[in-house]
């Protein structure tokens, strides 16, 4: 449920930046016992903004690319903010800001996004 709250909080954050050139990539991955199936349509609708694209990463490939070594280092439930125009090649680029859990870091994420837009 906590991640679903984070998804709803992220959707509200997107609404605050309505009309701004913000692109959101949402990665759903199996972490909790309730996560072992891909997200339902109802879950995906929690982030309804058309600037968001959502993916199911069953093997947690992105988490591994971002530093997961074992079950205690899974990269999940976080917001990463990247500079404008940054290109993703072989591995994820450095974020200008990153923190989590999502539901707890909406205010600083808002500031990081605003700064990245300037």
C-alpha atoms as a PDB file:
ATOM      1  CA  UNK A   1       0.000   0.000   0.000  1.00  0.00           C
ATOM      2  CA  UNK A   2       2.884   2.370   0.789  1.00  0.00           C
ATOM      3  CA  UNK A   3       4.059   2.366  -2.845  1.00  0.00           C
ATOM      4  CA  UNK A   4       0.526   3.049  -4.019  1.00  0.00           C
ATOM      5  CA  UNK A   5       0.483   6.096  -1.747  1.00  0.00           C
ATOM      6  CA  UNK A   6       3.780   7.122  -3.352  1.00  0.00           C
ATOM      7  CA  UNK A   7       2.277   6.731  -6.824  1.00  0.00           C
ATOM      8  CA  UNK A   8      -0.671   8.928  -5.888  1.00  0.00           C
ATOM      9  CA  UNK A   9       1.688  11.510  -4.342  1.00  0.00           C
ATOM     10  CA  UNK A  10       3.819  11.492  -7.502  1.00  0.00           C
ATOM     11  CA  UNK A  11       0.701  12.055  -9.614  1.00  0.00           C
ATOM     12  CA  UNK A  12      -0.229  15.082  -7.490  1.00  0.00           C
ATOM     13  CA  UNK A  13       3.316  16.391  -7.909  1.00  0.00           C
ATOM     14  CA  UNK A  14       3.002  16.093 -11.681  1.00  0.00           C
ATOM     15  CA  UNK A  15      -0.193  18.155 -11.551  1.00  0.00           C
ATOM     16  CA  UNK A  16       1.772  20.930  -9.838  1.00  0.00           C
ATOM     17  CA  UNK A  17       4.059  21.052 -12.882  1.00  0.00           C
ATOM     18  CA  UNK A  18       1.233  21.004 -15.407  1.00  0.00           C
ATOM     19  CA  UNK A  19       2.361  22.476 -18.716  1.00  0.00           C
ATOM     20  CA  UNK A  20       6.054  22.201 -17.806  1.00  0.00           C
ATOM     21  CA  UNK A  21       8.522  20.064 -19.778  1.00  0.00           C
ATOM     22  CA  UNK A  22       8.668  17.290 -17.195  1.00  0.00           C
ATOM     23  CA  UNK A  23       8.951  13.653 -18.274  1.00  0.00           C
ATOM     24  CA  UNK A  24       8.341  10.873 -15.755  1.00  0.00           C
ATOM     25  CA  UNK A  25       9.419   7.274 -16.037  1.00  0.00           C
ATOM     26  CA  UNK A  26       7.745   5.003 -13.501  1.00  0.00           C
ATOM     27  CA  UNK A  27       9.300   1.612 -12.899  1.00  0.00           C
ATOM     28  CA  UNK A  28       7.207  -0.975 -11.079  1.00  0.00           C
ATOM     29  CA  UNK A  29       9.185  -3.910  -9.717  1.00  0.00           C
ATOM     30  CA  UNK A  30       8.621  -6.866  -7.401  1.00  0.00           C
ATOM     31  CA  UNK A  31       9.838  -5.996  -3.915  1.00  0.00           C
ATOM     32  CA  UNK A  32       7.016  -6.622  -1.442  1.00  0.00           C
ATOM     33  CA  UNK A  33       5.056  -9.893  -1.270  1.00  0.00           C
ATOM     34  CA  UNK A  34       2.123  -8.088  -2.914  1.00  0.00           C
ATOM     35  CA  UNK A  35       4.295  -7.038  -5.897  1.00  0.00           C
ATOM     36  CA  UNK A  36       4.941 -10.354  -7.602  1.00  0.00           C
ATOM     37  CA  UNK A  37       2.533  -9.691 -10.457  1.00  0.00           C
ATOM     38  CA  UNK A  38       2.676  -6.781 -12.863  1.00  0.00           C
ATOM     39  CA  UNK A  39       0.678  -3.745 -11.740  1.00  0.00           C
ATOM     40  CA  UNK A  40      -3.038  -3.783 -12.432  1.00  0.00           C
ATOM     41  CA  UNK A  41      -4.809  -1.225 -14.590  1.00  0.00           C
ATOM     42  CA  UNK A  42      -6.143   0.394 -11.402  1.00  0.00           C
ATOM     43  CA  UNK A  43      -2.598   0.696 -10.044  1.00  0.00           C
ATOM     44  CA  UNK A  44      -1.297   2.199 -13.287  1.00  0.00           C
ATOM     45  CA  UNK A  45      -4.116   4.765 -13.247  1.00  0.00           C
ATOM     46  CA  UNK A  46      -2.703   6.242 -10.024  1.00  0.00           C
ATOM     47  CA  UNK A  47      -0.231   8.042 -12.280  1.00  0.00           C
ATOM     48  CA  UNK A  48      -2.515   9.239 -15.039  1.00  0.00           C
ATOM     49  CA  UNK A  49      -0.467  12.150 -16.403  1.00  0.00           C
ATOM     50  CA  UNK A  50       0.324  11.651 -20.119  1.00  0.00           C
ATOM     51  CA  UNK A  51       3.926  12.797 -19.503  1.00  0.00           C
ATOM     52  CA  UNK A  52       4.472   9.613 -17.492  1.00  0.00           C
ATOM     53  CA  UNK A  53       5.379   6.259 -18.989  1.00  0.00           C
ATOM     54  CA  UNK A  54       5.249   3.159 -16.839  1.00  0.00           C
ATOM     55  CA  UNK A  55       7.152  -0.114 -17.063  1.00  0.00           C
ATOM     56  CA  UNK A  56       7.092  -3.445 -15.244  1.00  0.00           C
ATOM     57  CA  UNK A  57      10.649  -4.542 -14.400  1.00  0.00           C
ATOM     58  CA  UNK A  58      10.098  -8.123 -13.234  1.00  0.00           C
ATOM     59  CA  UNK A  59      13.838  -8.832 -12.909  1.00  0.00           C
ATOM     60  CA  UNK A  60      14.621  -5.494 -11.205  1.00  0.00           C
ATOM     61  CA  UNK A  61      17.170  -4.784 -13.938  1.00  0.00           C
ATOM     62  CA  UNK A  62      17.115  -1.043 -13.285  1.00  0.00           C
ATOM     63  CA  UNK A  63      17.537  -1.579  -9.547  1.00  0.00           C
ATOM     64  CA  UNK A  64      20.605  -3.711 -10.272  1.00  0.00           C
ATOM     65  CA  UNK A  65      21.973  -1.047 -12.640  1.00  0.00           C
ATOM     66  CA  UNK A  66      21.488   1.539  -9.880  1.00  0.00           C
ATOM     67  CA  UNK A  67      23.361  -0.438  -7.243  1.00  0.00           C
ATOM     68  CA  UNK A  68      21.285  -3.356  -5.966  1.00  0.00           C
ATOM     69  CA  UNK A  69      23.629  -6.033  -4.637  1.00  0.00           C
ATOM     70  CA  UNK A  70      21.278  -7.985  -2.365  1.00  0.00           C
ATOM     71  CA  UNK A  71      17.763  -7.749  -0.905  1.00  0.00           C
ATOM     72  CA  UNK A  72      18.912  -5.018   1.503  1.00  0.00           C
ATOM     73  CA  UNK A  73      20.121  -2.731  -1.295  1.00  0.00           C
ATOM     74  CA  UNK A  74      17.112  -2.834  -3.639  1.00  0.00           C
ATOM     75  CA  UNK A  75      16.617   0.556  -5.286  1.00  0.00           C
ATOM     76  CA  UNK A  76      12.892   1.237  -5.085  1.00  0.00           C
ATOM     77  CA  UNK A  77      10.277   3.736  -3.938  1.00  0.00           C
ATOM     78  CA  UNK A  78      12.375   6.761  -4.799  1.00  0.00           C
ATOM     79  CA  UNK A  79      12.395   9.832  -6.971  1.00  0.00           C
ATOM     80  CA  UNK A  80      15.424  10.619  -9.099  1.00  0.00           C
ATOM     81  CA  UNK A  81      15.605  13.999 -10.825  1.00  0.00           C
ATOM     82  CA  UNK A  82      17.842  14.332 -13.867  1.00  0.00           C
ATOM     83  CA  UNK A  83      19.099  17.446 -15.615  1.00  0.00           C
ATOM     84  CA  UNK A  84      17.461  18.545 -18.833  1.00  0.00           C
ATOM     85  CA  UNK A  85      18.780  16.770 -21.886  1.00  0.00           C
ATOM     86  CA  UNK A  86      20.683  14.089 -19.986  1.00  0.00           C
ATOM     87  CA  UNK A  87      21.136  10.969 -22.087  1.00  0.00           C
ATOM     88  CA  UNK A  88      20.809   7.469 -20.716  1.00  0.00           C
ATOM     89  CA  UNK A  89      23.430   5.252 -22.291  1.00  0.00           C
ATOM     90  CA  UNK A  90      24.789   1.932 -20.966  1.00  0.00           C
ATOM     91  CA  UNK A  91      23.969   2.747 -17.333  1.00  0.00           C
ATOM     92  CA  UNK A  92      21.859   5.334 -15.500  1.00  0.00           C
ATOM     93  CA  UNK A  93      23.452   8.796 -15.416  1.00  0.00           C
ATOM     94  CA  UNK A  94      24.022  10.600 -12.121  1.00  0.00           C
ATOM     95  CA  UNK A  95      20.871  12.235 -10.782  1.00  0.00           C
ATOM     96  CA  UNK A  96      20.915  15.888  -9.701  1.00  0.00           C
ATOM     97  CA  UNK A  97      18.729  14.799  -6.781  1.00  0.00           C
ATOM     98  CA  UNK A  98      17.456  11.458  -5.477  1.00  0.00           C
ATOM     99  CA  UNK A  99      15.647  10.378  -2.350  1.00  0.00           C
ATOM    100  CA  UNK A 100      12.840   8.210  -1.062  1.00  0.00           C
ATOM    101  CA  UNK A 101      10.442   6.886  -0.014  1.00  0.00           C
ATOM    102  CA  UNK A 102       8.376   8.821  -2.530  1.00  0.00           C
ATOM    103  CA  UNK A 103       5.508   9.730  -0.215  1.00  0.00           C
ATOM    104  CA  UNK A 104       7.981  11.237   2.297  1.00  0.00           C
ATOM    105  CA  UNK A 105      10.038  13.343  -0.122  1.00  0.00           C
ATOM    106  CA  UNK A 106       7.472  15.159  -2.245  1.00  0.00           C
ATOM    107  CA  UNK A 107       8.407  18.619  -0.904  1.00  0.00           C
ATOM    108  CA  UNK A 108      12.154  18.336  -1.600  1.00  0.00           C
ATOM    109  CA  UNK A 109      11.393  16.621  -4.927  1.00  0.00           C
ATOM    110  CA  UNK A 110       9.228  19.604  -5.869  1.00  0.00           C
ATOM    111  CA  UNK A 111      12.204  21.904  -5.189  1.00  0.00           C
ATOM    112  CA  UNK A 112      14.604  19.669  -7.128  1.00  0.00           C
ATOM    113  CA  UNK A 113      12.290  19.581 -10.147  1.00  0.00           C
ATOM    114  CA  UNK A 114      11.792  23.359 -10.045  1.00  0.00           C
ATOM    115  CA  UNK A 115      15.578  23.843  -9.907  1.00  0.00           C
ATOM    116  CA  UNK A 116      16.119  21.418 -12.798  1.00  0.00           C
ATOM    117  CA  UNK A 117      13.615  23.383 -14.901  1.00  0.00           C
ATOM    118  CA  UNK A 118      15.531  26.636 -14.427  1.00  0.00           C
END
